[in-house]
C-alpha atoms as a PDB file:
ATOM      1  CA  MET A   1     -36.191 -58.005  23.681  1.00  0.00           C
ATOM      2  CA  LEU A   2     -32.956 -59.946  23.465  1.00  0.00           C
ATOM      3  CA  THR A   3     -31.378 -61.083  26.702  1.00  0.00           C
ATOM      4  CA  ARG A   4     -28.595 -58.838  27.933  1.00  0.00           C
ATOM      5  CA  ASP A   5     -26.288 -61.798  28.590  1.00  0.00           C
ATOM      6  CA  ALA A   6     -26.314 -63.049  24.997  1.00  0.00           C
ATOM      7  CA  GLY A   7     -22.786 -61.753  24.441  1.00  0.00           C
ATOM      8  CA  ASN A   8     -21.306 -58.355  25.130  1.00  0.00           C
ATOM      9  CA  ARG A   9     -18.621 -57.887  22.475  1.00  0.00           C
ATOM     10  CA  PHE A  10     -18.984 -55.779  19.348  1.00  0.00           C
ATOM     11  CA  GLU A  11     -16.688 -54.319  16.713  1.00  0.00           C
ATOM     12  CA  VAL A  12     -16.744 -52.267  13.557  1.00  0.00           C
ATOM     13  CA  TRP A  13     -14.863 -53.902  10.689  1.00  0.00           C
ATOM     14  CA  GLY A  14     -13.590 -52.370   7.475  1.00  0.00           C
ATOM     15  CA  ASP A  15     -10.532 -51.370   5.504  1.00  0.00           C
ATOM     16  CA  PRO A  16      -9.427 -48.698   6.318  1.00  0.00           C
ATOM     17  CA  ILE A  17     -10.893 -48.468   9.827  1.00  0.00           C
ATOM     18  CA  ALA A  18      -8.582 -46.348  12.025  1.00  0.00           C
ATOM     19  CA  HIS A  19     -10.626 -43.210  11.303  1.00  0.00           C
ATOM     20  CA  SER A  20     -13.934 -44.735  12.429  1.00  0.00           C
ATOM     21  CA  LYS A  21     -15.980 -42.788  14.990  1.00  0.00           C
ATOM     22  CA  SER A  22     -18.260 -45.765  15.627  1.00  0.00           C
ATOM     23  CA  PRO A  23     -16.497 -46.907  18.840  1.00  0.00           C
ATOM     24  CA  ALA A  24     -16.977 -43.483  20.449  1.00  0.00           C
ATOM     25  CA  LEU A  25     -20.633 -43.354  19.402  1.00  0.00           C
ATOM     26  CA  HIS A  26     -21.485 -46.848  20.597  1.00  0.00           C
ATOM     27  CA  VAL A  27     -19.593 -46.683  23.895  1.00  0.00           C
ATOM     28  CA  ALA A  28     -21.309 -43.389  24.769  1.00  0.00           C
ATOM     29  CA  ALA A  29     -24.708 -44.973  24.125  1.00  0.00           C
ATOM     30  CA  TYR A  30     -23.913 -48.099  26.140  1.00  0.00           C
ATOM     31  CA  ARG A  31     -22.961 -45.973  29.146  1.00  0.00           C
ATOM     32  CA  VAL A  32     -26.291 -44.129  29.102  1.00  0.00           C
ATOM     33  CA  LEU A  33     -28.141 -47.436  28.735  1.00  0.00           C
ATOM     34  CA  GLY A  34     -26.220 -49.008  31.615  1.00  0.00           C
ATOM     35  CA  LEU A  35     -24.865 -51.815  29.436  1.00  0.00           C
ATOM     36  CA  ASP A  36     -21.576 -53.570  30.221  1.00  0.00           C
ATOM     37  CA  TRP A  37     -20.785 -53.933  26.520  1.00  0.00           C
ATOM     38  CA  GLU A  38     -17.444 -53.630  24.721  1.00  0.00           C
ATOM     39  CA  TYR A  39     -17.107 -52.078  21.256  1.00  0.00           C
ATOM     40  CA  GLY A  40     -13.845 -51.895  19.299  1.00  0.00           C
ATOM     41  CA  ARG A  41     -12.556 -51.688  15.763  1.00  0.00           C
ATOM     42  CA  ARG A  42     -10.694 -54.150  13.563  1.00  0.00           C
ATOM     43  CA  GLN A  43      -9.130 -53.769  10.144  1.00  0.00           C
ATOM     44  CA  VAL A  44     -10.620 -56.527   7.993  1.00  0.00           C
ATOM     45  CA  ASP A  45     -10.475 -56.589   4.215  1.00  0.00           C
ATOM     46  CA  ALA A  46     -12.800 -58.434   1.854  1.00  0.00           C
ATOM     47  CA  ALA A  47     -10.445 -61.408   1.537  1.00  0.00           C
ATOM     48  CA  GLY A  48     -10.177 -61.827   5.306  1.00  0.00           C
ATOM     49  CA  PHE A  49     -13.848 -61.378   6.202  1.00  0.00           C
ATOM     50  CA  THR A  50     -14.979 -65.021   6.131  1.00  0.00           C
ATOM     51  CA  GLY A  51     -12.108 -66.211   8.316  1.00  0.00           C
ATOM     52  CA  ALA A  52     -12.519 -63.352  10.781  1.00  0.00           C
ATOM     53  CA  LEU A  53     -16.240 -64.036  11.117  1.00  0.00           C
ATOM     54  CA  ALA A  54     -15.664 -67.768  11.654  1.00  0.00           C
ATOM     55  CA  SER A  55     -13.211 -67.020  14.482  1.00  0.00           C
ATOM     56  CA  LEU A  56     -15.825 -65.325  16.694  1.00  0.00           C
ATOM     57  CA  ASP A  57     -17.152 -67.215  19.707  1.00  0.00           C
ATOM     58  CA  GLY A  58     -20.289 -66.874  21.808  1.00  0.00           C
ATOM     59  CA  ASN A  59     -19.014 -63.742  23.530  1.00  0.00           C
ATOM     60  CA  TRP A  60     -19.739 -61.795  20.353  1.00  0.00           C
ATOM     61  CA  ARG A  61     -23.165 -60.249  19.879  1.00  0.00           C
ATOM     62  CA  GLY A  62     -22.875 -58.013  16.811  1.00  0.00           C
ATOM     63  CA  LEU A  63     -20.779 -56.329  14.145  1.00  0.00           C
ATOM     64  CA  SER A  64     -20.894 -53.025  12.325  1.00  0.00           C
ATOM     65  CA  LEU A  65     -19.531 -53.265   8.792  1.00  0.00           C
ATOM     66  CA  THR A  66     -18.172 -50.512   6.610  1.00  0.00           C
ATOM     67  CA  MET A  67     -16.521 -50.588   3.205  1.00  0.00           C
ATOM     68  CA  PRO A  68     -15.606 -52.925   1.623  1.00  0.00           C
ATOM     69  CA  LEU A  69     -17.569 -55.497   3.668  1.00  0.00           C
ATOM     70  CA  LYS A  70     -21.249 -54.665   3.235  1.00  0.00           C
ATOM     71  CA  GLU A  71     -21.815 -57.138   0.400  1.00  0.00           C
ATOM     72  CA  GLN A  72     -19.893 -59.840   2.296  1.00  0.00           C
ATOM     73  CA  GLY A  73     -22.045 -59.130   5.343  1.00  0.00           C
ATOM     74  CA  PHE A  74     -25.162 -59.631   3.261  1.00  0.00           C
ATOM     75  CA  ALA A  75     -23.877 -62.939   1.892  1.00  0.00           C
ATOM     76  CA  ALA A  76     -22.979 -64.176   5.398  1.00  0.00           C
ATOM     77  CA  SER A  77     -26.458 -63.478   6.806  1.00  0.00           C
ATOM     78  CA  ALA A  78     -29.136 -66.165   7.091  1.00  0.00           C
ATOM     79  CA  SER A  79     -31.874 -63.516   7.117  1.00  0.00           C
ATOM     80  CA  HIS A  80     -32.163 -59.894   6.015  1.00  0.00           C
ATOM     81  CA  ASP A  81     -34.314 -56.911   6.788  1.00  0.00           C
ATOM     82  CA  ARG A  82     -36.133 -55.179   3.917  1.00  0.00           C
ATOM     83  CA  HIS A  83     -33.457 -52.537   3.427  1.00  0.00           C
ATOM     84  CA  ALA A  84     -30.662 -55.105   3.233  1.00  0.00           C
ATOM     85  CA  THR A  85     -32.702 -57.200   0.806  1.00  0.00           C
ATOM     86  CA  LEU A  86     -33.321 -54.233  -1.492  1.00  0.00           C
ATOM     87  CA  THR A  87     -29.715 -53.039  -1.538  1.00  0.00           C
ATOM     88  CA  GLY A  88     -27.888 -56.365  -1.318  1.00  0.00           C
ATOM     89  CA  ALA A  89     -25.793 -54.850   1.472  1.00  0.00           C
ATOM     90  CA  ALA A  90     -25.692 -55.345   5.247  1.00  0.00           C
ATOM     91  CA  ASN A  91     -23.795 -52.933   7.461  1.00  0.00           C
ATOM     92  CA  THR A  92     -25.021 -54.619  10.663  1.00  0.00           C
ATOM     93  CA  LEU A  93     -24.833 -58.257  11.741  1.00  0.00           C
ATOM     94  CA  LEU A  94     -26.702 -59.603  14.752  1.00  0.00           C
ATOM     95  CA  LEU A  95     -24.691 -62.709  15.523  1.00  0.00           C
ATOM     96  CA  GLY A  96     -25.843 -66.135  16.639  1.00  0.00           C
ATOM     97  CA  ALA A  97     -26.329 -69.579  15.130  1.00  0.00           C
ATOM     98  CA  LYS A  98     -27.971 -67.861  12.161  1.00  0.00           C
ATOM     99  CA  PRO A  99     -26.619 -64.315  11.735  1.00  0.00           C
ATOM    100  CA  ALA A 100     -29.188 -61.683  10.778  1.00  0.00           C
ATOM    101  CA  GLY A 101     -28.188 -58.899   8.396  1.00  0.00           C
ATOM    102  CA  PHE A 102     -29.539 -55.353   8.433  1.00  0.00           C
ATOM    103  CA  ASN A 103     -28.926 -52.185   6.445  1.00  0.00           C
ATOM    104  CA  THR A 104     -29.236 -49.226   8.809  1.00  0.00           C
ATOM    105  CA  ASP A 105     -27.713 -46.788   6.302  1.00  0.00           C
ATOM    106  CA  VAL A 106     -31.098 -46.307   4.627  1.00  0.00           C
ATOM    107  CA  GLY A 107     -32.813 -45.278   7.842  1.00  0.00           C
ATOM    108  CA  GLY A 108     -29.758 -43.246   8.822  1.00  0.00           C
ATOM    109  CA  ILE A 109     -30.094 -41.174   5.645  1.00  0.00           C
ATOM    110  CA  VAL A 110     -33.836 -40.662   6.148  1.00  0.00           C
ATOM    111  CA  ASP A 111     -33.302 -39.611   9.772  1.00  0.00           C
ATOM    112  CA  ALA A 112     -30.410 -37.274   8.898  1.00  0.00           C
ATOM    113  CA  LEU A 113     -32.426 -35.610   6.140  1.00  0.00           C
ATOM    114  CA  ALA A 114     -35.364 -35.117   8.511  1.00  0.00           C
ATOM    115  CA  GLU A 115     -33.015 -33.604  11.083  1.00  0.00           C
ATOM    116  CA  GLY A 116     -31.842 -31.219   8.361  1.00  0.00           C
ATOM    117  CA  GLY A 117     -35.403 -30.200   7.540  1.00  0.00           C
ATOM    118  CA  ILE A 118     -35.837 -32.419   4.472  1.00  0.00           C
ATOM    119  CA  ALA A 119     -38.939 -34.580   4.865  1.00  0.00           C
ATOM    120  CA  ALA A 120     -39.751 -34.856   1.141  1.00  0.00           C
ATOM    121  CA  ALA A 121     -38.101 -34.458  -2.259  1.00  0.00           C
ATOM    122  CA  HIS A 122     -39.485 -35.033  -5.758  1.00  0.00           C
ATOM    123  CA  ARG A 123     -36.426 -34.766  -8.018  1.00  0.00           C
ATOM    124  CA  VAL A 124     -33.143 -36.102  -6.632  1.00  0.00           C
ATOM    125  CA  ARG A 125     -29.599 -36.368  -7.941  1.00  0.00           C
ATOM    126  CA  ILE A 126     -27.279 -39.043  -6.518  1.00  0.00           C
ATOM    127  CA  LEU A 127     -23.522 -38.790  -7.036  1.00  0.00           C
ATOM    128  CA  GLY A 128     -21.758 -42.152  -7.000  1.00  0.00           C
ATOM    129  CA  ALA A 129     -22.756 -45.728  -7.796  1.00  0.00           C
ATOM    130  CA  GLY A 130     -21.626 -47.882  -4.861  1.00  0.00           C
ATOM    131  CA  ALA A 131     -23.355 -49.464  -1.848  1.00  0.00           C
ATOM    132  CA  THR A 132     -24.128 -46.097  -0.247  1.00  0.00           C
ATOM    133  CA  ALA A 133     -25.739 -44.924  -3.485  1.00  0.00           C
ATOM    134  CA  ALA A 134     -28.071 -47.937  -3.331  1.00  0.00           C
ATOM    135  CA  SER A 135     -29.009 -47.017   0.239  1.00  0.00           C
ATOM    136  CA  ALA A 136     -29.577 -43.421  -0.839  1.00  0.00           C
ATOM    137  CA  LEU A 137     -31.855 -44.581  -3.648  1.00  0.00           C
ATOM    138  CA  VAL A 138     -34.023 -46.567  -1.235  1.00  0.00           C
ATOM    139  CA  ALA A 139     -34.009 -43.674   1.234  1.00  0.00           C
ATOM    140  CA  VAL A 140     -35.256 -41.098  -1.287  1.00  0.00           C
ATOM    141  CA  SER A 141     -37.985 -43.494  -2.412  1.00  0.00           C
ATOM    142  CA  GLU A 142     -39.208 -43.417   1.196  1.00  0.00           C
ATOM    143  CA  ILE A 143     -39.469 -39.609   1.241  1.00  0.00           C
ATOM    144  CA  GLY A 144     -41.494 -39.443  -1.957  1.00  0.00           C
ATOM    145  CA  ALA A 145     -38.964 -39.072  -4.760  1.00  0.00           C
ATOM    146  CA  ALA A 146     -40.277 -39.776  -8.252  1.00  0.00           C
ATOM    147  CA  ARG A 147     -37.278 -38.998 -10.486  1.00  0.00           C
ATOM    148  CA  VAL A 148     -33.642 -39.757  -9.670  1.00  0.00           C
ATOM    149  CA  ASP A 149     -30.632 -38.714 -11.739  1.00  0.00           C
ATOM    150  CA  ILE A 150     -27.584 -40.884 -10.925  1.00  0.00           C
ATOM    151  CA  ARG A 151     -24.133 -39.553 -11.819  1.00  0.00           C
ATOM    152  CA  ALA A 152     -20.958 -41.634 -11.789  1.00  0.00           C
ATOM    153  CA  ARG A 153     -17.464 -41.451 -13.248  1.00  0.00           C
ATOM    154  CA  ARG A 154     -18.270 -44.777 -14.912  1.00  0.00           C
ATOM    155  CA  PRO A 155     -22.008 -44.742 -15.643  1.00  0.00           C
ATOM    156  CA  GLU A 156     -21.991 -48.453 -16.496  1.00  0.00           C
ATOM    157  CA  ARG A 157     -21.486 -49.174 -12.769  1.00  0.00           C
ATOM    158  CA  ALA A 158     -24.944 -47.742 -12.073  1.00  0.00           C
ATOM    159  CA  ILE A 159     -26.948 -50.219 -14.163  1.00  0.00           C
ATOM    160  CA  GLU A 160     -27.932 -52.235 -11.093  1.00  0.00           C
ATOM    161  CA  LEU A 161     -29.120 -49.027  -9.451  1.00  0.00           C
ATOM    162  CA  MET A 162     -31.444 -48.418 -12.382  1.00  0.00           C
ATOM    163  CA  ALA A 163     -32.939 -51.879 -11.876  1.00  0.00           C
ATOM    164  CA  LEU A 164     -33.354 -51.151  -8.158  1.00  0.00           C
ATOM    165  CA  GLY A 165     -35.046 -47.867  -8.999  1.00  0.00           C
ATOM    166  CA  GLU A 166     -37.515 -49.658 -11.248  1.00  0.00           C
ATOM    167  CA  ARG A 167     -38.401 -52.047  -8.405  1.00  0.00           C
ATOM    168  CA  LEU A 168     -39.012 -49.016  -6.199  1.00  0.00           C
ATOM    169  CA  GLY A 169     -41.235 -47.350  -8.791  1.00  0.00           C
ATOM    170  CA  LEU A 170     -38.756 -44.556  -9.558  1.00  0.00           C
ATOM    171  CA  HIS A 171     -37.838 -43.055 -12.910  1.00  0.00           C
ATOM    172  CA  VAL A 172     -34.028 -43.321 -12.931  1.00  0.00           C
ATOM    173  CA  THR A 173     -31.574 -41.826 -15.419  1.00  0.00           C
ATOM    174  CA  ILE A 174     -27.814 -42.408 -15.507  1.00  0.00           C
ATOM    175  CA  ASP A 175     -25.096 -40.102 -16.805  1.00  0.00           C
ATOM    176  CA  SER A 176     -21.475 -39.129 -16.271  1.00  0.00           C
ATOM    177  CA  PHE A 177     -20.375 -36.235 -14.085  1.00  0.00           C
ATOM    178  CA  ALA A 178     -20.017 -34.110 -17.200  1.00  0.00           C
ATOM    179  CA  GLY A 179     -23.552 -34.641 -18.487  1.00  0.00           C
ATOM    180  CA  ALA A 180     -26.109 -31.846 -18.759  1.00  0.00           C
ATOM    181  CA  THR A 181     -27.942 -31.088 -15.515  1.00  0.00           C
ATOM    182  CA  GLU A 182     -31.606 -30.438 -14.818  1.00  0.00           C
ATOM    183  CA  PRO A 183     -32.913 -28.897 -11.581  1.00  0.00           C
ATOM    184  CA  ALA A 184     -33.124 -31.171  -8.526  1.00  0.00           C
ATOM    185  CA  ASP A 185     -34.627 -30.563  -5.091  1.00  0.00           C
ATOM    186  CA  LEU A 186     -31.923 -32.582  -3.381  1.00  0.00           C
ATOM    187  CA  THR A 187     -28.447 -33.882  -4.202  1.00  0.00           C
ATOM    188  CA  ILE A 188     -27.003 -36.812  -2.250  1.00  0.00           C
ATOM    189  CA  ALA A 189     -23.257 -37.291  -2.654  1.00  0.00           C
ATOM    190  CA  THR A 190     -22.003 -40.789  -1.847  1.00  0.00           C
ATOM    191  CA  LEU A 191     -18.452 -40.213  -3.070  1.00  0.00           C
ATOM    192  CA  PRO A 192     -15.416 -41.349  -1.043  1.00  0.00           C
ATOM    193  CA  SER A 193     -14.112 -38.857   1.508  1.00  0.00           C
ATOM    194  CA  GLY A 194     -11.562 -36.542  -0.052  1.00  0.00           C
ATOM    195  CA  THR A 195     -13.042 -36.674  -3.555  1.00  0.00           C
ATOM    196  CA  VAL A 196     -12.461 -33.443  -5.484  1.00  0.00           C
ATOM    197  CA  LEU A 197     -14.506 -32.884  -8.628  1.00  0.00           C
ATOM    198  CA  ASP A 198     -13.417 -30.552 -11.404  1.00  0.00           C
ATOM    199  CA  ALA A 199     -14.550 -26.991 -10.683  1.00  0.00           C
ATOM    200  CA  PRO A 200     -16.951 -26.760 -13.668  1.00  0.00           C
ATOM    201  CA  VAL A 201     -18.628 -30.022 -12.591  1.00  0.00           C
ATOM    202  CA  THR A 202     -19.074 -28.810  -9.007  1.00  0.00           C
ATOM    203  CA  GLU A 203     -20.430 -25.476 -10.237  1.00  0.00           C
ATOM    204  CA  SER A 204     -22.930 -27.190 -12.539  1.00  0.00           C
ATOM    205  CA  PHE A 205     -24.159 -29.545  -9.806  1.00  0.00           C
ATOM    206  CA  ALA A 206     -24.386 -26.710  -7.257  1.00  0.00           C
ATOM    207  CA  ALA A 207     -26.298 -24.419  -9.616  1.00  0.00           C
ATOM    208  CA  THR A 208     -29.039 -26.985 -10.214  1.00  0.00           C
ATOM    209  CA  GLY A 209     -28.792 -29.407  -7.298  1.00  0.00           C
ATOM    210  CA  GLY A 210     -30.838 -27.868  -4.494  1.00  0.00           C
ATOM    211  CA  VAL A 211     -29.926 -28.960  -0.976  1.00  0.00           C
ATOM    212  CA  LEU A 212     -26.718 -31.001  -0.729  1.00  0.00           C
ATOM    213  CA  PHE A 213     -26.544 -34.011   1.585  1.00  0.00           C
ATOM    214  CA  ASP A 214     -22.933 -35.214   1.551  1.00  0.00           C
ATOM    215  CA  ALA A 215     -22.392 -38.651   3.090  1.00  0.00           C
ATOM    216  CA  ALA A 216     -18.800 -37.596   3.796  1.00  0.00           C
ATOM    217  CA  TYR A 217     -18.160 -36.052   7.201  1.00  0.00           C
ATOM    218  CA  ALA A 218     -14.379 -36.017   7.649  1.00  0.00           C
ATOM    219  CA  PRO A 219     -12.757 -33.772   6.701  1.00  0.00           C
ATOM    220  CA  TRP A 220     -15.581 -31.257   6.834  1.00  0.00           C
ATOM    221  CA  PRO A 221     -16.528 -29.332   4.879  1.00  0.00           C
ATOM    222  CA  SER A 222     -15.814 -31.640   1.990  1.00  0.00           C
ATOM    223  CA  ALA A 223     -14.556 -30.096  -1.232  1.00  0.00           C
ATOM    224  CA  LEU A 224     -18.033 -30.512  -2.718  1.00  0.00           C
ATOM    225  CA  ALA A 225     -19.733 -28.882   0.274  1.00  0.00           C
ATOM    226  CA  ALA A 226     -17.247 -25.986   0.231  1.00  0.00           C
ATOM    227  CA  GLY A 227     -18.083 -25.305  -3.421  1.00  0.00           C
ATOM    228  CA  TRP A 228     -21.862 -25.634  -3.125  1.00  0.00           C
ATOM    229  CA  GLY A 229     -22.541 -21.904  -3.108  1.00  0.00           C
ATOM    230  CA  GLY A 230     -25.518 -20.491  -1.232  1.00  0.00           C
ATOM    231  CA  SER A 231     -27.738 -23.563  -1.074  1.00  0.00           C
ATOM    232  CA  PRO A 232     -28.079 -25.493   2.211  1.00  0.00           C
ATOM    233  CA  VAL A 233     -25.579 -28.282   2.956  1.00  0.00           C
ATOM    234  CA  ILE A 234     -26.091 -31.232   5.322  1.00  0.00           C
ATOM    235  CA  SER A 235     -23.095 -33.154   6.669  1.00  0.00           C
ATOM    236  CA  GLY A 236     -22.944 -36.944   6.566  1.00  0.00           C
ATOM    237  CA  PHE A 237     -22.316 -37.009  10.318  1.00  0.00           C
ATOM    238  CA  GLY A 238     -26.076 -37.188  10.828  1.00  0.00           C
ATOM    239  CA  MET A 239     -26.204 -40.380   8.761  1.00  0.00           C
ATOM    240  CA  LEU A 240     -23.342 -41.867  10.782  1.00  0.00           C
ATOM    241  CA  LEU A 241     -25.074 -40.983  14.036  1.00  0.00           C
ATOM    242  CA  HIS A 242     -28.542 -42.209  13.161  1.00  0.00           C
ATOM    243  CA  GLN A 243     -27.464 -45.436  11.464  1.00  0.00           C
ATOM    244  CA  ALA A 244     -25.540 -46.184  14.673  1.00  0.00           C
ATOM    245  CA  VAL A 245     -28.672 -45.521  16.747  1.00  0.00           C
ATOM    246  CA  ARG A 246     -30.519 -48.079  14.638  1.00  0.00           C
ATOM    247  CA  GLN A 247     -27.644 -50.540  15.076  1.00  0.00           C
ATOM    248  CA  ILE A 248     -27.845 -50.200  18.846  1.00  0.00           C
ATOM    249  CA  ARG A 249     -31.608 -50.797  18.698  1.00  0.00           C
ATOM    250  CA  ILE A 250     -30.861 -54.024  16.807  1.00  0.00           C
ATOM    251  CA  PHE A 251     -28.161 -55.118  19.243  1.00  0.00           C
ATOM    252  CA  LEU A 252     -30.497 -54.510  22.188  1.00  0.00           C
ATOM    253  CA  THR A 253     -33.902 -55.585  20.827  1.00  0.00           C
ATOM    254  CA  GLY A 254     -33.348 -57.255  17.452  1.00  0.00           C
ATOM    255  CA  ASP A 255     -35.463 -54.557  15.760  1.00  0.00           C
ATOM    256  CA  PRO A 256     -34.143 -51.344  14.125  1.00  0.00           C
ATOM    257  CA  LEU A 257     -37.497 -49.604  14.714  1.00  0.00           C
ATOM    258  CA  THR A 258     -37.908 -50.260  18.450  1.00  0.00           C
ATOM    259  CA  LEU A 259     -36.854 -47.095  20.259  1.00  0.00           C
ATOM    260  CA  LEU A 260     -34.157 -47.251  22.915  1.00  0.00           C
ATOM    261  CA  PRO A 261     -34.961 -46.394  26.523  1.00  0.00           C
ATOM    262  CA  ASP A 262     -34.546 -42.612  26.958  1.00  0.00           C
ATOM    263  CA  GLU A 263     -33.406 -42.420  23.327  1.00  0.00           C
ATOM    264  CA  ASP A 264     -33.134 -38.623  23.197  1.00  0.00           C
ATOM    265  CA  ARG A 265     -30.584 -38.708  26.013  1.00  0.00           C
ATOM    266  CA  VAL A 266     -28.727 -41.549  24.296  1.00  0.00           C
ATOM    267  CA  ILE A 267     -28.474 -39.556  21.058  1.00  0.00           C
ATOM    268  CA  ALA A 268     -27.305 -36.452  22.901  1.00  0.00           C
ATOM    269  CA  ALA A 269     -24.523 -38.449  24.575  1.00  0.00           C
ATOM    270  CA  MET A 270     -23.467 -39.972  21.258  1.00  0.00           C
ATOM    271  CA  ARG A 271     -23.366 -36.576  19.597  1.00  0.00           C
ATOM    272  CA  ALA A 272     -21.279 -35.130  22.440  1.00  0.00           C
ATOM    273  CA  ALA A 273     -18.803 -38.032  22.294  1.00  0.00           C
ATOM    274  CA  VAL A 274     -17.425 -37.004  18.907  1.00  0.00           C
END
């Protein structure tokens, strides 16, 4: 376990960042754990990331990174966990002489799906082609997916995801939102909050997409979730919550898999805080 006096300052960085619920989640957890840690937020864009990181002193212990900084976080890390290595993205930095980068989004998706009753899926559709889509691809490989259909406004952006899928042993296809749809057990939407798809596209995805896991959580329900019909829908809040739990494990122990003391009570306090 890391020493508790190794620095007690943390922040979430991104652009935009004012909407972030991470400070409330982390502070609630720290209180339960009896930690005198501070967690804030800072608006940092991609161009300002390197300078902002270099300005931190020894009082800083870790950072949470959201868009558009996950690739910069990966590049700034001297070491990476398996999920960061696979996706080329780090949403968590454990600071020190040699910063360590982690991707807790993958585990956050797996945990949120399990909480929603989804422990396995064979055929999956992923909407979007950014960093969260890469995390979703790794996550579904870990729950037994064999075939993944990736949909994007610009399908050419998903070529790297196809290569990642091949490394994971998945059969991956890429198409536009308007392409023909085949039945899926699970749809994971990684589209920006507020995205509204054309009604025929939403209807086609909903009719064949099985359970919807929408990484968006504010506003909720998202336009996609509201149009999903009678199939189950899982909010992205679970991903936000559980990736934060894994971040706190890292900040406390250096390991995203080492459970926190009294973790059930920690999670309950985090959930109540937002």
